[in-house]
């Protein structure tokens, strides 16, 4: 396990005001990639931060935490659920094996228009952990958001 940040009693994370909705909107936000590249990088980064692990797994991600990281875009969650890449479970969401494959394929250039780079994902991770001009809405989360009861893992 490669933790992205140390879990303390409280962790302050940051989110963007919105999910990029078009190439022009991504540019207005100050992003350098296309909408699809930024959206997918933001999503994969949100999964990593919600798991506090740079290596994704099927561990449960807290619903409120994940929604926060996705700029409160339940549309993003619904999209991943519709594709059967993410499932809703008691306490949050879990990537499916197909979802893990989609994340990997995205970084390998095998997901068509939604391909992105590891660098883009890391940019979003850094935004979420440290904040910047794009991710400027901080919120404090208790370490309990990452401590899902073993019976739900």
C-alpha atoms as a PDB file:
ATOM      1  CA  UNK A   1       0.000   0.000   0.000  1.00  0.00           C
ATOM      2  CA  UNK A   2       1.338   3.395  -0.976  1.00  0.00           C
ATOM      3  CA  UNK A   3      -0.517   5.993   1.084  1.00  0.00           C
ATOM      4  CA  UNK A   4      -1.032   9.354  -0.569  1.00  0.00           C
ATOM      5  CA  UNK A   5      -1.084  11.242   2.728  1.00  0.00           C
ATOM      6  CA  UNK A   6      -0.704  10.341   6.411  1.00  0.00           C
ATOM      7  CA  UNK A   7      -3.997   9.584   8.126  1.00  0.00           C
ATOM      8  CA  UNK A   8      -4.216  11.733  11.214  1.00  0.00           C
ATOM      9  CA  UNK A   9      -7.234  12.561  13.341  1.00  0.00           C
ATOM     10  CA  UNK A  10      -8.377  15.065  10.744  1.00  0.00           C
ATOM     11  CA  UNK A  11      -7.406  15.482   7.107  1.00  0.00           C
ATOM     12  CA  UNK A  12      -8.131  18.621   5.099  1.00  0.00           C
ATOM     13  CA  UNK A  13      -8.898  17.939   1.449  1.00  0.00           C
ATOM     14  CA  UNK A  14      -9.822  20.297  -1.364  1.00  0.00           C
ATOM     15  CA  UNK A  15     -12.228  20.115  -4.258  1.00  0.00           C
ATOM     16  CA  UNK A  16     -12.891  22.016  -7.409  1.00  0.00           C
ATOM     17  CA  UNK A  17     -15.952  24.243  -7.701  1.00  0.00           C
ATOM     18  CA  UNK A  18     -17.186  22.063 -10.541  1.00  0.00           C
ATOM     19  CA  UNK A  19     -16.515  19.109 -12.758  1.00  0.00           C
ATOM     20  CA  UNK A  20     -15.296  20.288 -16.202  1.00  0.00           C
ATOM     21  CA  UNK A  21     -18.296  20.171 -18.551  1.00  0.00           C
ATOM     22  CA  UNK A  22     -16.664  21.121 -21.863  1.00  0.00           C
ATOM     23  CA  UNK A  23     -13.247  21.875 -23.309  1.00  0.00           C
ATOM     24  CA  UNK A  24     -13.981  25.589 -22.977  1.00  0.00           C
ATOM     25  CA  UNK A  25     -15.031  25.126 -19.344  1.00  0.00           C
ATOM     26  CA  UNK A  26     -11.829  23.152 -18.612  1.00  0.00           C
ATOM     27  CA  UNK A  27      -9.829  26.013 -20.131  1.00  0.00           C
ATOM     28  CA  UNK A  28     -11.791  28.601 -18.096  1.00  0.00           C
ATOM     29  CA  UNK A  29     -10.931  26.599 -14.982  1.00  0.00           C
ATOM     30  CA  UNK A  30      -7.246  26.998 -15.839  1.00  0.00           C
ATOM     31  CA  UNK A  31      -6.737  23.358 -16.831  1.00  0.00           C
ATOM     32  CA  UNK A  32      -4.442  22.381 -19.681  1.00  0.00           C
ATOM     33  CA  UNK A  33      -6.071  19.144 -20.828  1.00  0.00           C
ATOM     34  CA  UNK A  34      -9.262  18.464 -22.716  1.00  0.00           C
ATOM     35  CA  UNK A  35     -12.484  17.996 -20.787  1.00  0.00           C
ATOM     36  CA  UNK A  36     -12.363  14.201 -21.128  1.00  0.00           C
ATOM     37  CA  UNK A  37      -8.706  13.978 -20.093  1.00  0.00           C
ATOM     38  CA  UNK A  38      -9.289  16.212 -17.054  1.00  0.00           C
ATOM     39  CA  UNK A  39     -12.555  14.519 -16.037  1.00  0.00           C
ATOM     40  CA  UNK A  40     -11.018  11.063 -16.110  1.00  0.00           C
ATOM     41  CA  UNK A  41      -7.883  12.229 -14.284  1.00  0.00           C
ATOM     42  CA  UNK A  42     -10.020  13.928 -11.627  1.00  0.00           C
ATOM     43  CA  UNK A  43     -12.116  10.774 -11.228  1.00  0.00           C
ATOM     44  CA  UNK A  44      -9.173   8.394 -10.873  1.00  0.00           C
ATOM     45  CA  UNK A  45      -7.481  10.814  -8.461  1.00  0.00           C
ATOM     46  CA  UNK A  46     -10.688  10.982  -6.400  1.00  0.00           C
ATOM     47  CA  UNK A  47     -10.746   7.178  -6.182  1.00  0.00           C
ATOM     48  CA  UNK A  48      -7.112   7.122  -5.071  1.00  0.00           C
ATOM     49  CA  UNK A  49      -7.581   9.840  -2.462  1.00  0.00           C
ATOM     50  CA  UNK A  50     -10.807   8.232  -1.201  1.00  0.00           C
ATOM     51  CA  UNK A  51      -8.814   5.005  -0.753  1.00  0.00           C
ATOM     52  CA  UNK A  52      -5.670   6.906   0.368  1.00  0.00           C
ATOM     53  CA  UNK A  53      -3.742   4.605  -1.881  1.00  0.00           C
ATOM     54  CA  UNK A  54      -1.963   5.208  -5.166  1.00  0.00           C
ATOM     55  CA  UNK A  55      -2.716   1.579  -6.099  1.00  0.00           C
ATOM     56  CA  UNK A  56      -6.487   1.254  -6.571  1.00  0.00           C
ATOM     57  CA  UNK A  57      -8.376  -1.732  -5.212  1.00  0.00           C
ATOM     58  CA  UNK A  58     -11.957  -2.758  -4.529  1.00  0.00           C
ATOM     59  CA  UNK A  59     -11.903  -1.295  -1.004  1.00  0.00           C
ATOM     60  CA  UNK A  60     -15.016   0.700  -0.053  1.00  0.00           C
ATOM     61  CA  UNK A  61     -14.788   4.465  -0.543  1.00  0.00           C
ATOM     62  CA  UNK A  62     -16.913   6.650   1.719  1.00  0.00           C
ATOM     63  CA  UNK A  63     -19.858   8.154  -0.165  1.00  0.00           C
ATOM     64  CA  UNK A  64     -19.631  11.699   1.223  1.00  0.00           C
ATOM     65  CA  UNK A  65     -15.873  11.831   0.803  1.00  0.00           C
ATOM     66  CA  UNK A  66     -15.980  10.572  -2.786  1.00  0.00           C
ATOM     67  CA  UNK A  67     -18.805  12.933  -3.750  1.00  0.00           C
ATOM     68  CA  UNK A  68     -16.865  15.853  -2.259  1.00  0.00           C
ATOM     69  CA  UNK A  69     -13.733  14.954  -4.239  1.00  0.00           C
ATOM     70  CA  UNK A  70     -15.772  14.674  -7.449  1.00  0.00           C
ATOM     71  CA  UNK A  71     -16.862  18.325  -7.094  1.00  0.00           C
ATOM     72  CA  UNK A  72     -20.255  17.076  -5.864  1.00  0.00           C
ATOM     73  CA  UNK A  73     -20.934  15.516  -9.275  1.00  0.00           C
ATOM     74  CA  UNK A  74     -23.344  12.658  -8.721  1.00  0.00           C
ATOM     75  CA  UNK A  75     -23.489  12.487 -12.534  1.00  0.00           C
ATOM     76  CA  UNK A  76     -19.929  11.134 -12.467  1.00  0.00           C
ATOM     77  CA  UNK A  77     -20.909   8.474  -9.947  1.00  0.00           C
ATOM     78  CA  UNK A  78     -24.008   7.517 -11.944  1.00  0.00           C
ATOM     79  CA  UNK A  79     -21.911   7.207 -15.113  1.00  0.00           C
ATOM     80  CA  UNK A  80     -19.455   4.801 -13.467  1.00  0.00           C
ATOM     81  CA  UNK A  81     -22.328   2.814 -11.925  1.00  0.00           C
ATOM     82  CA  UNK A  82     -24.145   2.634 -15.278  1.00  0.00           C
ATOM     83  CA  UNK A  83     -20.975   1.253 -16.882  1.00  0.00           C
ATOM     84  CA  UNK A  84     -20.740  -1.289 -14.016  1.00  0.00           C
ATOM     85  CA  UNK A  85     -17.326   0.021 -13.077  1.00  0.00           C
ATOM     86  CA  UNK A  86     -18.541   1.132  -9.634  1.00  0.00           C
ATOM     87  CA  UNK A  87     -21.145  -0.326  -7.312  1.00  0.00           C
ATOM     88  CA  UNK A  88     -22.976   1.236  -4.414  1.00  0.00           C
ATOM     89  CA  UNK A  89     -22.556  -0.685  -1.173  1.00  0.00           C
ATOM     90  CA  UNK A  90     -23.427  -0.055   2.448  1.00  0.00           C
ATOM     91  CA  UNK A  91     -21.223   2.819   3.504  1.00  0.00           C
ATOM     92  CA  UNK A  92     -20.175   4.024   0.065  1.00  0.00           C
ATOM     93  CA  UNK A  93     -18.918   2.795  -3.269  1.00  0.00           C
ATOM     94  CA  UNK A  94     -16.590   0.078  -4.473  1.00  0.00           C
ATOM     95  CA  UNK A  95     -14.761  -0.195  -7.795  1.00  0.00           C
ATOM     96  CA  UNK A  96     -15.564  -3.415  -9.615  1.00  0.00           C
ATOM     97  CA  UNK A  97     -12.846  -5.519 -11.261  1.00  0.00           C
ATOM     98  CA  UNK A  98     -13.999  -3.985 -14.578  1.00  0.00           C
ATOM     99  CA  UNK A  99     -13.673  -0.539 -12.990  1.00  0.00           C
ATOM    100  CA  UNK A 100     -10.103  -1.277 -11.954  1.00  0.00           C
ATOM    101  CA  UNK A 101      -9.405  -2.412 -15.515  1.00  0.00           C
ATOM    102  CA  UNK A 102     -10.967   0.776 -16.901  1.00  0.00           C
ATOM    103  CA  UNK A 103      -8.743   2.910 -14.663  1.00  0.00           C
ATOM    104  CA  UNK A 104      -5.684   0.981 -15.829  1.00  0.00           C
ATOM    105  CA  UNK A 105      -6.740   1.116 -19.497  1.00  0.00           C
ATOM    106  CA  UNK A 106      -7.292   4.859 -19.193  1.00  0.00           C
ATOM    107  CA  UNK A 107      -3.663   5.326 -18.177  1.00  0.00           C
ATOM    108  CA  UNK A 108      -2.423   2.905 -20.837  1.00  0.00           C
ATOM    109  CA  UNK A 109      -4.143   4.813 -23.641  1.00  0.00           C
ATOM    110  CA  UNK A 110      -6.751   2.112 -24.253  1.00  0.00           C
ATOM    111  CA  UNK A 111      -9.928   4.022 -23.323  1.00  0.00           C
ATOM    112  CA  UNK A 112     -10.480   6.137 -26.412  1.00  0.00           C
ATOM    113  CA  UNK A 113     -11.370   9.759 -25.794  1.00  0.00           C
ATOM    114  CA  UNK A 114     -11.121   9.275 -22.019  1.00  0.00           C
ATOM    115  CA  UNK A 115      -7.438   8.389 -21.924  1.00  0.00           C
ATOM    116  CA  UNK A 116      -5.347  10.491 -19.603  1.00  0.00           C
ATOM    117  CA  UNK A 117      -1.883  10.359 -18.112  1.00  0.00           C
ATOM    118  CA  UNK A 118      -0.426   9.417 -14.766  1.00  0.00           C
ATOM    119  CA  UNK A 119       0.899  12.979 -14.578  1.00  0.00           C
ATOM    120  CA  UNK A 120      -2.641  14.405 -14.916  1.00  0.00           C
ATOM    121  CA  UNK A 121      -3.937  12.041 -12.216  1.00  0.00           C
ATOM    122  CA  UNK A 122      -1.098  13.073  -9.912  1.00  0.00           C
ATOM    123  CA  UNK A 123      -1.851  16.756 -10.587  1.00  0.00           C
ATOM    124  CA  UNK A 124      -5.429  16.158  -9.397  1.00  0.00           C
ATOM    125  CA  UNK A 125      -4.250  14.160  -6.379  1.00  0.00           C
ATOM    126  CA  UNK A 126      -1.975  17.033  -5.391  1.00  0.00           C
ATOM    127  CA  UNK A 127      -4.854  19.508  -5.847  1.00  0.00           C
ATOM    128  CA  UNK A 128      -7.112  17.431  -3.631  1.00  0.00           C
ATOM    129  CA  UNK A 129      -4.501  17.025  -0.900  1.00  0.00           C
ATOM    130  CA  UNK A 130      -2.865  20.480  -0.959  1.00  0.00           C
ATOM    131  CA  UNK A 131      -5.308  22.740  -2.797  1.00  0.00           C
ATOM    132  CA  UNK A 132      -4.556  25.188  -5.583  1.00  0.00           C
ATOM    133  CA  UNK A 133      -6.339  27.735  -7.765  1.00  0.00           C
ATOM    134  CA  UNK A 134      -8.604  24.987  -9.165  1.00  0.00           C
ATOM    135  CA  UNK A 135      -9.252  22.973  -6.008  1.00  0.00           C
ATOM    136  CA  UNK A 136      -9.789  25.774  -3.557  1.00  0.00           C
ATOM    137  CA  UNK A 137     -12.702  24.489  -1.450  1.00  0.00           C
ATOM    138  CA  UNK A 138     -11.251  22.874   1.683  1.00  0.00           C
ATOM    139  CA  UNK A 139     -13.135  20.529   3.981  1.00  0.00           C
ATOM    140  CA  UNK A 140     -11.902  18.615   6.984  1.00  0.00           C
ATOM    141  CA  UNK A 141     -12.531  14.872   7.176  1.00  0.00           C
ATOM    142  CA  UNK A 142     -12.021  12.601  10.158  1.00  0.00           C
ATOM    143  CA  UNK A 143      -9.731   9.622   9.626  1.00  0.00           C
ATOM    144  CA  UNK A 144     -12.879   7.526  10.184  1.00  0.00           C
ATOM    145  CA  UNK A 145     -13.782   8.252   6.532  1.00  0.00           C
ATOM    146  CA  UNK A 146     -11.034   5.797   5.547  1.00  0.00           C
ATOM    147  CA  UNK A 147     -11.664   3.251   8.279  1.00  0.00           C
ATOM    148  CA  UNK A 148     -14.490   1.151   6.912  1.00  0.00           C
ATOM    149  CA  UNK A 149     -15.572  -1.657   9.221  1.00  0.00           C
ATOM    150  CA  UNK A 150     -13.890  -4.951   8.225  1.00  0.00           C
ATOM    151  CA  UNK A 151     -17.238  -6.639   7.523  1.00  0.00           C
ATOM    152  CA  UNK A 152     -17.839  -4.103   4.717  1.00  0.00           C
ATOM    153  CA  UNK A 153     -14.411  -4.361   3.045  1.00  0.00           C
END
